[in-house]
Amino acid sequence: MAFVITSPCMEEKSGECVEVCPVDCIEEGEDMFYIDPNICIDCGACEAVCPVEAIYMEDEVPEEEQKYIGINQKFFEGR
């Protein structure tokens, strides 16, 4: 299981999460940041510093934000 970045990031895109990630699994996309589920070690450092509370454990993503699980995964396909 990995952390997932959801829609509030699209309006904020601060980047504190990138700075604290110990395994560099967060990458910046055109509209928001994304977490690589294959690299994330579930440490929670990113979740703690997100100013807009856009980061959730995969199994805790709110119903209305569920599509971001697939969006995060798709961003890293073929890399």
N, C-alpha and C. Protein backbone atom coordinates (compact mmCIF):
# COMPACT_ATOMS: atom_id res chain seq x y z
N MET A 1 0.84 -1.18 0.00
CA MET A 1 0.00 0.00 0.00
C MET A 1 0.89 1.24 0.00
N ALA A 2 0.42 2.29 -0.63
CA ALA A 2 1.19 3.52 -0.74
C ALA A 2 0.33 4.72 -0.40
N PHE A 3 0.97 5.84 -0.27
CA PHE A 3 0.24 7.09 -0.10
C PHE A 3 -0.18 7.58 -1.48
N VAL A 4 -1.25 8.38 -1.51
CA VAL A 4 -1.81 8.90 -2.76
C VAL A 4 -2.03 10.40 -2.60
N ILE A 5 -1.67 11.15 -3.63
CA ILE A 5 -1.92 12.59 -3.64
C ILE A 5 -3.22 12.84 -4.39
N THR A 6 -4.09 13.66 -3.80
CA THR A 6 -5.43 13.89 -4.35
C THR A 6 -5.61 15.34 -4.83
N SER A 7 -6.81 15.68 -5.22
CA SER A 7 -7.12 16.93 -5.90
C SER A 7 -6.70 18.23 -5.22
N PRO A 8 -6.68 18.35 -3.90
CA PRO A 8 -6.25 19.64 -3.33
C PRO A 8 -4.85 20.07 -3.77
N CYS A 9 -4.02 19.12 -4.17
CA CYS A 9 -2.67 19.44 -4.64
C CYS A 9 -2.72 20.27 -5.92
N MET A 10 -3.74 20.06 -6.73
CA MET A 10 -3.84 20.77 -8.01
C MET A 10 -3.93 22.27 -7.80
N GLU A 11 -4.50 22.69 -6.72
CA GLU A 11 -4.64 24.12 -6.46
C GLU A 11 -3.45 24.68 -5.68
N GLU A 12 -2.68 23.81 -5.05
CA GLU A 12 -1.60 24.25 -4.17
C GLU A 12 -0.22 23.99 -4.76
N LYS A 13 0.08 22.70 -5.00
CA LYS A 13 1.36 22.27 -5.57
C LYS A 13 2.55 22.90 -4.84
N SER A 14 2.58 22.77 -3.52
CA SER A 14 3.61 23.40 -2.69
C SER A 14 4.97 22.73 -2.79
N GLY A 15 5.04 21.42 -2.66
CA GLY A 15 6.30 20.71 -2.79
C GLY A 15 7.00 20.33 -1.51
N GLU A 16 6.41 20.65 -0.35
CA GLU A 16 7.02 20.24 0.91
C GLU A 16 7.16 18.72 0.96
N CYS A 17 6.22 18.02 0.36
CA CYS A 17 6.24 16.56 0.36
C CYS A 17 7.50 16.02 -0.32
N VAL A 18 7.91 16.65 -1.40
CA VAL A 18 9.09 16.22 -2.13
C VAL A 18 10.33 16.36 -1.25
N GLU A 19 10.40 17.45 -0.53
CA GLU A 19 11.57 17.74 0.30
C GLU A 19 11.75 16.73 1.44
N VAL A 20 10.67 16.19 1.99
CA VAL A 20 10.78 15.29 3.14
C VAL A 20 10.77 13.80 2.79
N CYS A 21 10.48 13.45 1.57
CA CYS A 21 10.40 12.04 1.19
C CYS A 21 11.80 11.39 1.23
N PRO A 22 11.98 10.38 2.06
CA PRO A 22 13.30 9.76 2.19
C PRO A 22 13.69 8.85 1.03
N VAL A 23 12.73 8.48 0.18
CA VAL A 23 13.04 7.59 -0.94
C VAL A 23 12.80 8.23 -2.30
N ASP A 24 12.57 9.51 -2.33
CA ASP A 24 12.36 10.25 -3.58
C ASP A 24 11.31 9.62 -4.49
N CYS A 25 10.16 9.28 -3.92
CA CYS A 25 9.11 8.65 -4.72
C CYS A 25 8.07 9.65 -5.22
N ILE A 26 8.25 10.94 -4.93
CA ILE A 26 7.28 11.95 -5.33
C ILE A 26 7.86 12.77 -6.48
N GLU A 27 7.09 12.84 -7.55
CA GLU A 27 7.53 13.60 -8.74
C GLU A 27 6.49 14.66 -9.09
N GLU A 28 7.00 15.72 -9.66
CA GLU A 28 6.13 16.82 -10.08
C GLU A 28 5.63 16.58 -11.49
N GLY A 29 4.32 16.68 -11.65
CA GLY A 29 3.71 16.60 -12.96
C GLY A 29 3.31 18.00 -13.39
N GLU A 30 2.62 18.08 -14.49
CA GLU A 30 2.21 19.38 -15.01
C GLU A 30 1.24 20.10 -14.07
N ASP A 31 0.29 19.36 -13.50
CA ASP A 31 -0.75 19.96 -12.68
C ASP A 31 -0.62 19.73 -11.18
N MET A 32 0.11 18.68 -10.79
CA MET A 32 0.19 18.32 -9.37
C MET A 32 1.39 17.40 -9.15
N PHE A 33 1.60 16.98 -7.91
CA PHE A 33 2.63 16.01 -7.59
C PHE A 33 2.01 14.62 -7.57
N TYR A 34 2.86 13.60 -7.77
CA TYR A 34 2.41 12.21 -7.79
C TYR A 34 3.36 11.35 -6.97
N ILE A 35 2.82 10.32 -6.33
CA ILE A 35 3.61 9.38 -5.54
C ILE A 35 3.70 8.06 -6.28
N ASP A 36 4.92 7.59 -6.51
CA ASP A 36 5.13 6.30 -7.17
C ASP A 36 4.80 5.19 -6.17
N PRO A 37 3.73 4.43 -6.41
CA PRO A 37 3.32 3.39 -5.46
C PRO A 37 4.32 2.24 -5.36
N ASN A 38 5.19 2.10 -6.34
CA ASN A 38 6.17 1.02 -6.32
C ASN A 38 7.41 1.38 -5.49
N ILE A 39 7.58 2.64 -5.17
CA ILE A 39 8.74 3.09 -4.40
C ILE A 39 8.35 3.54 -2.99
N CYS A 40 7.15 4.05 -2.82
CA CYS A 40 6.68 4.57 -1.52
C CYS A 40 6.86 3.52 -0.43
N ILE A 41 7.44 3.93 0.70
CA ILE A 41 7.66 3.01 1.82
C ILE A 41 6.65 3.24 2.96
N ASP A 42 5.62 4.01 2.70
CA ASP A 42 4.54 4.24 3.67
C ASP A 42 5.01 4.88 4.98
N CYS A 43 5.99 5.77 4.90
CA CYS A 43 6.53 6.36 6.12
C CYS A 43 5.64 7.47 6.68
N GLY A 44 4.86 8.12 5.82
CA GLY A 44 3.95 9.17 6.27
C GLY A 44 4.55 10.56 6.37
N ALA A 45 5.82 10.71 6.04
CA ALA A 45 6.46 12.02 6.13
C ALA A 45 5.76 13.05 5.24
N CYS A 46 5.37 12.65 4.07
CA CYS A 46 4.72 13.56 3.12
C CYS A 46 3.36 14.02 3.64
N GLU A 47 2.61 13.08 4.18
CA GLU A 47 1.27 13.38 4.69
C GLU A 47 1.33 14.44 5.80
N ALA A 48 2.33 14.33 6.65
CA ALA A 48 2.45 15.23 7.79
C ALA A 48 2.75 16.67 7.40
N VAL A 49 3.40 16.89 6.26
CA VAL A 49 3.78 18.26 5.88
C VAL A 49 2.90 18.89 4.81
N CYS A 50 1.96 18.15 4.27
CA CYS A 50 1.11 18.69 3.20
C CYS A 50 0.22 19.81 3.75
N PRO A 51 0.37 21.04 3.23
CA PRO A 51 -0.39 22.17 3.76
C PRO A 51 -1.88 22.15 3.42
N VAL A 52 -2.27 21.34 2.44
CA VAL A 52 -3.68 21.29 2.05
C VAL A 52 -4.32 19.92 2.31
N GLU A 53 -3.62 19.06 3.03
CA GLU A 53 -4.12 17.73 3.38
C GLU A 53 -4.59 16.95 2.15
N ALA A 54 -3.74 16.92 1.13
CA ALA A 54 -4.07 16.23 -0.11
C ALA A 54 -3.56 14.80 -0.15
N ILE A 55 -2.82 14.37 0.87
CA ILE A 55 -2.17 13.06 0.85
C ILE A 55 -2.83 12.11 1.84
N TYR A 56 -3.15 10.91 1.33
CA TYR A 56 -3.82 9.88 2.14
C TYR A 56 -3.16 8.53 1.90
N MET A 57 -3.28 7.65 2.93
CA MET A 57 -2.95 6.24 2.69
C MET A 57 -3.96 5.75 1.66
N GLU A 58 -3.53 4.85 0.80
CA GLU A 58 -4.40 4.36 -0.28
C GLU A 58 -5.75 3.86 0.22
N ASP A 59 -5.77 3.17 1.34
CA ASP A 59 -7.04 2.64 1.83
C ASP A 59 -7.86 3.65 2.62
N GLU A 60 -7.36 4.89 2.73
CA GLU A 60 -8.09 5.94 3.44
C GLU A 60 -8.49 7.11 2.53
N VAL A 61 -8.27 6.96 1.23
CA VAL A 61 -8.64 8.02 0.29
C VAL A 61 -10.16 8.18 0.32
N PRO A 62 -10.64 9.42 0.50
CA PRO A 62 -12.10 9.63 0.52
C PRO A 62 -12.76 9.16 -0.77
N GLU A 63 -13.99 8.76 -0.66
CA GLU A 63 -14.76 8.23 -1.80
C GLU A 63 -14.66 9.14 -3.04
N GLU A 64 -14.85 10.44 -2.82
CA GLU A 64 -14.85 11.37 -3.95
C GLU A 64 -13.46 11.59 -4.57
N GLU A 65 -12.41 11.06 -3.93
CA GLU A 65 -11.04 11.22 -4.42
C GLU A 65 -10.44 9.90 -4.92
N GLN A 66 -11.24 8.83 -4.93
CA GLN A 66 -10.76 7.49 -5.30
C GLN A 66 -10.07 7.44 -6.66
N LYS A 67 -10.51 8.25 -7.61
CA LYS A 67 -9.93 8.20 -8.95
C LYS A 67 -8.45 8.56 -8.93
N TYR A 68 -8.00 9.27 -7.89
CA TYR A 68 -6.60 9.67 -7.83
C TYR A 68 -5.66 8.51 -7.52
N ILE A 69 -6.19 7.41 -7.04
CA ILE A 69 -5.36 6.22 -6.86
C ILE A 69 -4.84 5.79 -8.23
N GLY A 70 -5.74 5.66 -9.18
CA GLY A 70 -5.38 5.28 -10.54
C GLY A 70 -4.57 6.34 -11.25
N ILE A 71 -4.89 7.60 -11.01
CA ILE A 71 -4.16 8.70 -11.64
C ILE A 71 -2.69 8.69 -11.21
N ASN A 72 -2.44 8.47 -9.90
CA ASN A 72 -1.07 8.38 -9.42
C ASN A 72 -0.35 7.19 -10.04
N GLN A 73 -1.00 6.03 -10.11
CA GLN A 73 -0.39 4.84 -10.69
C GLN A 73 -0.08 5.04 -12.16
N LYS A 74 -1.03 5.61 -12.89
CA LYS A 74 -0.86 5.80 -14.32
C LYS A 74 0.30 6.75 -14.65
N PHE A 75 0.50 7.76 -13.80
CA PHE A 75 1.59 8.72 -14.04
C PHE A 75 2.94 8.00 -14.13
N PHE A 76 3.11 6.90 -13.40
CA PHE A 76 4.38 6.19 -13.37
C PHE A 76 4.46 4.99 -14.28
N GLU A 77 3.41 4.66 -15.02
CA GLU A 77 3.44 3.52 -15.94
C GLU A 77 4.47 3.76 -17.04
N GLY A 78 5.22 2.71 -17.31
CA GLY A 78 6.21 2.78 -18.39
C GLY A 78 7.48 3.49 -18.02
N ARG A 79 7.68 3.78 -16.75
CA ARG A 79 8.93 4.44 -16.33
C ARG A 79 9.92 3.43 -15.84
